[in-house]
PDB file of N, CA and C in Angstrom:
ATOM      1  N   MET A   1    -132.686  68.774 152.135  1.00  0.00           N
ATOM      2  CA  MET A   1    -131.711  69.242 153.108  1.00  0.00           C
ATOM      3  C   MET A   1    -131.358  68.085 154.022  1.00  0.00           C
ATOM      4  N   LYS A   2    -130.097  67.907 154.296  1.00  0.00           N
ATOM      5  CA  LYS A   2    -129.583  66.856 155.168  1.00  0.00           C
ATOM      6  C   LYS A   2    -129.328  67.451 156.549  1.00  0.00           C
ATOM      7  N   ALA A   3    -129.632  66.707 157.580  1.00  0.00           N
ATOM      8  CA  ALA A   3    -129.374  67.162 158.945  1.00  0.00           C
ATOM      9  C   ALA A   3    -128.300  66.292 159.576  1.00  0.00           C
ATOM     10  N   VAL A   4    -127.399  66.916 160.309  1.00  0.00           N
ATOM     11  CA  VAL A   4    -126.358  66.219 161.043  1.00  0.00           C
ATOM     12  C   VAL A   4    -126.432  66.707 162.475  1.00  0.00           C
ATOM     13  N   LYS A   5    -126.571  65.779 163.408  1.00  0.00           N
ATOM     14  CA  LYS A   5    -126.649  66.165 164.816  1.00  0.00           C
ATOM     15  C   LYS A   5    -125.378  65.706 165.517  1.00  0.00           C
ATOM     16  N   THR A   6    -124.772  66.613 166.262  1.00  0.00           N
ATOM     17  CA  THR A   6    -123.568  66.291 167.012  1.00  0.00           C
ATOM     18  C   THR A   6    -123.529  67.179 168.248  1.00  0.00           C
ATOM     19  N   LYS A   7    -122.679  66.843 169.174  1.00  0.00           N
ATOM     20  CA  LYS A   7    -122.500  67.672 170.363  1.00  0.00           C
ATOM     21  C   LYS A   7    -121.083  68.204 170.361  1.00  0.00           C
ATOM     22  N   ALA A   8    -120.917  69.381 170.918  1.00  0.00           N
ATOM     23  CA  ALA A   8    -119.597  69.991 171.018  1.00  0.00           C
ATOM     24  C   ALA A   8    -119.562  70.835 172.286  1.00  0.00           C
ATOM     25  N   THR A   9    -118.370  71.214 172.676  1.00  0.00           N
ATOM     26  CA  THR A   9    -118.184  72.052 173.850  1.00  0.00           C
ATOM     27  C   THR A   9    -117.487  73.336 173.431  1.00  0.00           C
ATOM     28  N   VAL A  10    -117.972  74.440 173.951  1.00  0.00           N
ATOM     29  CA  VAL A  10    -117.345  75.729 173.665  1.00  0.00           C
ATOM     30  C   VAL A  10    -115.985  75.743 174.365  1.00  0.00           C
ATOM     31  N   ASN A  11    -114.926  76.086 173.616  1.00  0.00           N
ATOM     32  CA  ASN A  11    -113.586  76.079 174.218  1.00  0.00           C
ATOM     33  C   ASN A  11    -113.277  77.421 174.877  1.00  0.00           C
ATOM     34  N   LYS A  12    -112.074  77.554 175.426  1.00  0.00           N
ATOM     35  CA  LYS A  12    -111.681  78.766 176.161  1.00  0.00           C
ATOM     36  C   LYS A  12    -111.721  80.022 175.308  1.00  0.00           C
ATOM     37  N   GLN A  13    -111.513  79.867 173.990  1.00  0.00           N
ATOM     38  CA  GLN A  13    -111.543  81.028 173.099  1.00  0.00           C
ATOM     39  C   GLN A  13    -112.971  81.385 172.673  1.00  0.00           C
ATOM     40  N   GLY A  14    -113.947  80.623 173.153  1.00  0.00           N
ATOM     41  CA  GLY A  14    -115.340  80.896 172.795  1.00  0.00           C
ATOM     42  C   GLY A  14    -115.724  80.356 171.433  1.00  0.00           C
ATOM     43  N   THR A  15    -114.959  79.401 170.920  1.00  0.00           N
ATOM     44  CA  THR A  15    -115.270  78.816 169.619  1.00  0.00           C
ATOM     45  C   THR A  15    -115.716  77.369 169.778  1.00  0.00           C
ATOM     46  N   ILE A  16    -116.369  76.873 168.743  1.00  0.00           N
ATOM     47  CA  ILE A  16    -116.838  75.489 168.712  1.00  0.00           C
ATOM     48  C   ILE A  16    -116.230  74.832 167.482  1.00  0.00           C
ATOM     49  N   GLU A  17    -115.601  73.687 167.664  1.00  0.00           N
ATOM     50  CA  GLU A  17    -115.021  72.960 166.536  1.00  0.00           C
ATOM     51  C   GLU A  17    -115.878  71.730 166.264  1.00  0.00           C
ATOM     52  N   LEU A  18    -116.283  71.585 165.008  1.00  0.00           N
ATOM     53  CA  LEU A  18    -117.114  70.452 164.611  1.00  0.00           C
ATOM     54  C   LEU A  18    -116.345  69.554 163.664  1.00  0.00           C
ATOM     55  N   GLN A  19    -116.416  68.266 163.889  1.00  0.00           N
ATOM     56  CA  GLN A  19    -115.813  67.292 162.998  1.00  0.00           C
ATOM     57  C   GLN A  19    -116.938  66.616 162.234  1.00  0.00           C
ATOM     58  N   VAL A  20    -117.140  67.006 160.992  1.00  0.00           N
ATOM     59  CA  VAL A  20    -118.184  66.433 160.149  1.00  0.00           C
ATOM     60  C   VAL A  20    -117.485  65.824 158.940  1.00  0.00           C
ATOM     61  N   LEU A  21    -117.360  64.518 158.930  1.00  0.00           N
ATOM     62  CA  LEU A  21    -116.537  63.859 157.939  1.00  0.00           C
ATOM     63  C   LEU A  21    -117.225  63.635 156.605  1.00  0.00           C
ATOM     64  N   ASP A  22    -118.556  63.625 156.582  1.00  0.00           N
ATOM     65  CA  ASP A  22    -119.244  63.281 155.337  1.00  0.00           C
ATOM     66  C   ASP A  22    -119.796  64.484 154.575  1.00  0.00           C
ATOM     67  N   ILE A  23    -119.292  65.681 154.867  1.00  0.00           N
ATOM     68  CA  ILE A  23    -119.692  66.879 154.127  1.00  0.00           C
ATOM     69  C   ILE A  23    -118.452  67.411 153.414  1.00  0.00           C
ATOM     70  N   PRO A  24    -118.525  67.556 152.100  1.00  0.00           N
ATOM     71  CA  PRO A  24    -117.346  67.998 151.342  1.00  0.00           C
ATOM     72  C   PRO A  24    -116.870  69.393 151.746  1.00  0.00           C
ATOM     73  N   GLU A  25    -115.568  69.589 151.684  1.00  0.00           N
ATOM     74  CA  GLU A  25    -114.973  70.893 151.964  1.00  0.00           C
ATOM     75  C   GLU A  25    -115.574  71.941 151.032  1.00  0.00           C
ATOM     76  N   GLY A  26    -115.863  73.111 151.585  1.00  0.00           N
ATOM     77  CA  GLY A  26    -116.412  74.198 150.786  1.00  0.00           C
ATOM     78  C   GLY A  26    -117.935  74.229 150.754  1.00  0.00           C
ATOM     79  N   THR A  27    -118.578  73.194 151.303  1.00  0.00           N
ATOM     80  CA  THR A  27    -120.038  73.154 151.322  1.00  0.00           C
ATOM     81  C   THR A  27    -120.567  74.208 152.293  1.00  0.00           C
ATOM     82  N   GLU A  28    -121.518  75.006 151.852  1.00  0.00           N
ATOM     83  CA  GLU A  28    -122.147  75.991 152.726  1.00  0.00           C
ATOM     84  C   GLU A  28    -123.144  75.269 153.625  1.00  0.00           C
ATOM     85  N   VAL A  29    -123.089  75.533 154.920  1.00  0.00           N
ATOM     86  CA  VAL A  29    -123.985  74.889 155.881  1.00  0.00           C
ATOM     87  C   VAL A  29    -124.671  75.949 156.736  1.00  0.00           C
ATOM     88  N   GLU A  30    -125.788  75.573 157.303  1.00  0.00           N
ATOM     89  CA  GLU A  30    -126.511  76.432 158.230  1.00  0.00           C
ATOM     90  C   GLU A  30    -126.369  75.792 159.607  1.00  0.00           C
ATOM     91  N   ILE A  31    -126.011  76.575 160.606  1.00  0.00           N
ATOM     92  CA  ILE A  31    -125.755  76.033 161.944  1.00  0.00           C
ATOM     93  C   ILE A  31    -126.730  76.649 162.941  1.00  0.00           C
ATOM     94  N   ILE A  32    -127.333  75.792 163.732  1.00  0.00           N
ATOM     95  CA  ILE A  32    -128.210  76.220 164.821  1.00  0.00           C
ATOM     96  C   ILE A  32    -127.581  75.711 166.112  1.00  0.00           C
ATOM     97  N   VAL A  33    -127.370  76.572 167.077  1.00  0.00           N
ATOM     98  CA  VAL A  33    -126.770  76.189 168.349  1.00  0.00           C
ATOM     99  C   VAL A  33    -127.863  76.191 169.405  1.00  0.00           C
ATOM    100  N   LEU A  34    -128.038  75.050 170.052  1.00  0.00           N
ATOM    101  CA  LEU A  34    -129.010  74.924 171.134  1.00  0.00           C
ATOM    102  C   LEU A  34    -128.252  74.774 172.446  1.00  0.00           C
ATOM    103  N   VAL A  35    -128.495  75.673 173.376  1.00  0.00           N
ATOM    104  CA  VAL A  35    -127.820  75.641 174.673  1.00  0.00           C
ATOM    105  C   VAL A  35    -128.836  75.174 175.706  1.00  0.00           C
ATOM    106  N   PRO A  36    -128.583  74.027 176.336  1.00  0.00           N
ATOM    107  CA  PRO A  36    -129.547  73.538 177.327  1.00  0.00           C
ATOM    108  C   PRO A  36    -129.643  74.488 178.517  1.00  0.00           C
ATOM    109  N   ASP A  37    -130.845  74.676 178.981  1.00  0.00           N
ATOM    110  CA  ASP A  37    -131.097  75.501 180.160  1.00  0.00           C
ATOM    111  C   ASP A  37    -130.766  74.658 181.384  1.00  0.00           C
ATOM    112  N   SER A  38    -129.730  75.030 182.100  1.00  0.00           N
ATOM    113  CA  SER A  38    -129.299  74.227 183.246  1.00  0.00           C
ATOM    114  C   SER A  38    -130.364  74.168 184.333  1.00  0.00           C
ATOM    115  N   LYS A  39    -131.300  75.107 184.334  1.00  0.00           N
ATOM    116  CA  LYS A  39    -132.368  75.107 185.328  1.00  0.00           C
ATOM    117  C   LYS A  39    -133.484  74.143 184.952  1.00  0.00           C
ATOM    118  N   SER A  40    -133.528  73.757 183.685  1.00  0.00           N
ATOM    119  CA  SER A  40    -134.609  72.910 183.199  1.00  0.00           C
ATOM    120  C   SER A  40    -134.241  71.439 183.328  1.00  0.00           C
ATOM    121  N   ASP A  41    -135.044  70.694 184.022  1.00  0.00           N
ATOM    122  CA  ASP A  41    -134.850  69.261 184.189  1.00  0.00           C
ATOM    123  C   ASP A  41    -135.707  68.540 183.156  1.00  0.00           C
ATOM    124  N   THR A  42    -135.133  67.597 182.435  1.00  0.00           N
ATOM    125  CA  THR A  42    -135.849  66.904 181.368  1.00  0.00           C
ATOM    126  C   THR A  42    -137.087  66.200 181.910  1.00  0.00           C
ATOM    127  N   THR A  43    -136.951  65.510 183.024  1.00  0.00           N
ATOM    128  CA  THR A  43    -138.100  64.812 183.597  1.00  0.00           C
ATOM    129  C   THR A  43    -139.186  65.799 183.986  1.00  0.00           C
ATOM    130  N   GLU A  44    -138.800  66.906 184.549  1.00  0.00           N
ATOM    131  CA  GLU A  44    -139.769  67.941 184.924  1.00  0.00           C
ATOM    132  C   GLU A  44    -140.524  68.428 183.693  1.00  0.00           C
ATOM    133  N   TYR A  45    -139.780  68.625 182.601  1.00  0.00           N
ATOM    134  CA  TYR A  45    -140.405  69.073 181.357  1.00  0.00           C
ATOM    135  C   TYR A  45    -141.377  68.015 180.828  1.00  0.00           C
ATOM    136  N   LEU A  46    -140.944  66.760 180.825  1.00  0.00           N
ATOM    137  CA  LEU A  46    -141.799  65.687 180.307  1.00  0.00           C
ATOM    138  C   LEU A  46    -143.069  65.514 181.140  1.00  0.00           C
ATOM    139  N   LEU A  47    -143.001  65.859 182.392  1.00  0.00           N
ATOM    140  CA  LEU A  47    -144.174  65.741 183.263  1.00  0.00           C
ATOM    141  C   LEU A  47    -144.946  67.047 183.385  1.00  0.00           C
ATOM    142  N   SER A  48    -144.610  68.045 182.588  1.00  0.00           N
ATOM    143  CA  SER A  48    -145.179  69.383 182.742  1.00  0.00           C
ATOM    144  C   SER A  48    -146.632  69.507 182.302  1.00  0.00           C
ATOM    145  N   THR A  49    -147.111  68.605 181.467  1.00  0.00           N
ATOM    146  CA  THR A  49    -148.531  68.636 181.089  1.00  0.00           C
ATOM    147  C   THR A  49    -149.140  67.275 181.411  1.00  0.00           C
ATOM    148  N   GLU A  50    -150.437  67.258 181.615  1.00  0.00           N
ATOM    149  CA  GLU A  50    -151.116  65.998 181.951  1.00  0.00           C
ATOM    150  C   GLU A  50    -150.996  64.982 180.820  1.00  0.00           C
ATOM    151  N   VAL A  51    -151.082  65.449 179.575  1.00  0.00           N
ATOM    152  CA  VAL A  51    -150.972  64.537 178.424  1.00  0.00           C
ATOM    153  C   VAL A  51    -149.586  63.900 178.393  1.00  0.00           C
ATOM    154  N   ASN A  52    -148.543  64.720 178.524  1.00  0.00           N
ATOM    155  CA  ASN A  52    -147.172  64.186 178.536  1.00  0.00           C
ATOM    156  C   ASN A  52    -146.972  63.227 179.704  1.00  0.00           C
ATOM    157  N   LYS A  53    -147.452  63.632 180.874  1.00  0.00           N
ATOM    158  CA  LYS A  53    -147.294  62.806 182.072  1.00  0.00           C
ATOM    159  C   LYS A  53    -147.949  61.443 181.866  1.00  0.00           C
ATOM    160  N   LYS A  54    -149.170  61.436 181.336  1.00  0.00           N
ATOM    161  CA  LYS A  54    -149.900  60.199 181.098  1.00  0.00           C
ATOM    162  C   LYS A  54    -149.142  59.303 180.114  1.00  0.00           C
ATOM    163  N   GLU A  55    -148.665  59.889 178.998  1.00  0.00           N
ATOM    164  CA  GLU A  55    -147.930  59.126 177.985  1.00  0.00           C
ATOM    165  C   GLU A  55    -146.637  58.550 178.559  1.00  0.00           C
ATOM    166  N   LEU A  56    -145.900  59.359 179.319  1.00  0.00           N
ATOM    167  CA  LEU A  56    -144.643  58.908 179.894  1.00  0.00           C
ATOM    168  C   LEU A  56    -144.861  57.773 180.887  1.00  0.00           C
ATOM    169  N   LEU A  57    -145.828  57.930 181.767  1.00  0.00           N
ATOM    170  CA  LEU A  57    -146.093  56.890 182.759  1.00  0.00           C
ATOM    171  C   LEU A  57    -146.591  55.600 182.108  1.00  0.00           C
ATOM    172  N   GLU A  58    -147.392  55.728 181.049  1.00  0.00           N
ATOM    173  CA  GLU A  58    -147.848  54.534 180.314  1.00  0.00           C
ATOM    174  C   GLU A  58    -146.672  53.852 179.617  1.00  0.00           C
ATOM    175  N   ALA A  59    -145.763  54.637 179.069  1.00  0.00           N
ATOM    176  CA  ALA A  59    -144.583  54.072 178.403  1.00  0.00           C
ATOM    177  C   ALA A  59    -143.706  53.333 179.413  1.00  0.00           C
ATOM    178  N   ILE A  60    -143.521  53.911 180.584  1.00  0.00           N
ATOM    179  CA  ILE A  60    -142.730  53.260 181.636  1.00  0.00           C
ATOM    180  C   ILE A  60    -143.386  51.942 182.032  1.00  0.00           C
ATOM    181  N   GLU A  61    -144.706  51.944 182.160  1.00  0.00           N
ATOM    182  CA  GLU A  61    -145.435  50.721 182.516  1.00  0.00           C
ATOM    183  C   GLU A  61    -145.266  49.651 181.430  1.00  0.00           C
ATOM    184  N   ARG A  62    -145.332  50.060 180.150  1.00  0.00           N
ATOM    185  CA  ARG A  62    -145.144  49.090 179.059  1.00  0.00           C
ATOM    186  C   ARG A  62    -143.745  48.475 179.100  1.00  0.00           C
ATOM    187  N   VAL A  63    -142.744  49.284 179.385  1.00  0.00           N
ATOM    188  CA  VAL A  63    -141.374  48.761 179.478  1.00  0.00           C
ATOM    189  C   VAL A  63    -141.269  47.800 180.657  1.00  0.00           C
ATOM    190  N   ASN A  64    -141.802  48.205 181.792  1.00  0.00           N
ATOM    191  CA  ASN A  64    -141.758  47.330 182.973  1.00  0.00           C
ATOM    192  C   ASN A  64    -142.457  46.000 182.719  1.00  0.00           C
ATOM    193  N   ASN A  65    -143.532  46.022 181.921  1.00  0.00           N
ATOM    194  CA  ASN A  65    -144.280  44.803 181.597  1.00  0.00           C
ATOM    195  C   ASN A  65    -143.764  44.119 180.325  1.00  0.00           C
ATOM    196  N   GLN A  66    -142.728  44.699 179.722  1.00  0.00           N
ATOM    197  CA  GLN A  66    -142.135  44.195 178.478  1.00  0.00           C
ATOM    198  C   GLN A  66    -143.187  44.017 177.388  1.00  0.00           C
ATOM    199  N   GLU A  67    -144.050  45.036 177.232  1.00  0.00           N
ATOM    200  CA  GLU A  67    -145.098  45.030 176.217  1.00  0.00           C
ATOM    201  C   GLU A  67    -144.728  45.979 175.081  1.00  0.00           C
ATOM    202  N   ASN A  68    -145.031  45.579 173.845  1.00  0.00           N
ATOM    203  CA  ASN A  68    -144.814  46.413 172.656  1.00  0.00           C
ATOM    204  C   ASN A  68    -143.373  46.895 172.541  1.00  0.00           C
ATOM    205  N   MET A  69    -142.429  46.032 172.861  1.00  0.00           N
ATOM    206  CA  MET A  69    -141.026  46.431 172.803  1.00  0.00           C
ATOM    207  C   MET A  69    -140.394  45.949 171.499  1.00  0.00           C
ATOM    208  N   VAL A  70    -139.548  46.767 170.936  1.00  0.00           N
ATOM    209  CA  VAL A  70    -138.770  46.395 169.764  1.00  0.00           C
ATOM    210  C   VAL A  70    -137.342  46.212 170.248  1.00  0.00           C
ATOM    211  N   VAL A  71    -136.800  45.026 170.054  1.00  0.00           N
ATOM    212  CA  VAL A  71    -135.454  44.723 170.531  1.00  0.00           C
ATOM    213  C   VAL A  71    -134.546  44.511 169.328  1.00  0.00           C
ATOM    214  N   MET A  72    -133.415  45.211 169.326  1.00  0.00           N
ATOM    215  CA  MET A  72    -132.438  45.025 168.257  1.00  0.00           C
ATOM    216  C   MET A  72    -131.061  45.366 168.789  1.00  0.00           C
ATOM    217  N   THR A  73    -130.061  44.818 168.133  1.00  0.00           N
ATOM    218  CA  THR A  73    -128.688  45.130 168.514  1.00  0.00           C
ATOM    219  C   THR A  73    -128.320  46.509 167.981  1.00  0.00           C
ATOM    220  N   ALA A  74    -127.214  47.041 168.471  1.00  0.00           N
ATOM    221  CA  ALA A  74    -126.738  48.334 167.976  1.00  0.00           C
ATOM    222  C   ALA A  74    -126.436  48.250 166.484  1.00  0.00           C
ATOM    223  N   GLN A  75    -125.874  47.136 166.049  1.00  0.00           N
ATOM    224  CA  GLN A  75    -125.565  46.944 164.628  1.00  0.00           C
ATOM    225  C   GLN A  75    -126.846  46.938 163.797  1.00  0.00           C
ATOM    226  N   GLU A  76    -127.896  46.251 164.256  1.00  0.00           N
ATOM    227  CA  GLU A  76    -129.177  46.225 163.536  1.00  0.00           C
ATOM    228  C   GLU A  76    -129.772  47.628 163.455  1.00  0.00           C
ATOM    229  N   TRP A  77    -129.687  48.375 164.554  1.00  0.00           N
ATOM    230  CA  TRP A  77    -130.228  49.737 164.578  1.00  0.00           C
ATOM    231  C   TRP A  77    -129.480  50.606 163.565  1.00  0.00           C
ATOM    232  N   HIS A  78    -128.163  50.496 163.572  1.00  0.00           N
ATOM    233  CA  HIS A  78    -127.350  51.297 162.649  1.00  0.00           C
ATOM    234  C   HIS A  78    -127.681  50.953 161.201  1.00  0.00           C
ATOM    235  N   GLU A  79    -127.814  49.678 160.907  1.00  0.00           N
ATOM    236  CA  GLU A  79    -128.131  49.269 159.543  1.00  0.00           C
ATOM    237  C   GLU A  79    -129.508  49.770 159.106  1.00  0.00           C
ATOM    238  N   LYS A  80    -130.451  49.798 160.034  1.00  0.00           N
ATOM    239  CA  LYS A  80    -131.811  50.233 159.698  1.00  0.00           C
ATOM    240  C   LYS A  80    -131.909  51.748 159.540  1.00  0.00           C
ATOM    241  N   TYR A  81    -131.276  52.492 160.432  1.00  0.00           N
ATOM    242  CA  TYR A  81    -131.457  53.948 160.459  1.00  0.00           C
ATOM    243  C   TYR A  81    -130.285  54.743 159.895  1.00  0.00           C
ATOM    244  N   ARG A  82    -129.104  54.194 159.839  1.00  0.00           N
ATOM    245  CA  ARG A  82    -127.929  54.844 159.248  1.00  0.00           C
ATOM    246  C   ARG A  82    -127.740  56.284 159.738  1.00  0.00           C
ATOM    247  N   ILE A  83    -127.838  56.484 161.029  1.00  0.00           N
ATOM    248  CA  ILE A  83    -127.675  57.836 161.589  1.00  0.00           C
ATOM    249  C   ILE A  83    -126.315  57.939 162.245  1.00  0.00           C
TER     250      ILE A  83
END
């Protein structure tokens, strides 16, 4: 199964239009709609458990110290991951 991730906005008629160029016409697809909870803050969620908090703070420290970083251009990333 292939996954395609994209974002869309619900229009005034309550419909969502998706532009997926690499799926042939007539292909049956399964769609899952995820609606972000406006009350939920991503940082709050990431800090919601001690394990997550510890990992996040350690990751921030590694970035600040420029440790264990992988640096690549957008073109290199695209060529490697093709997403």
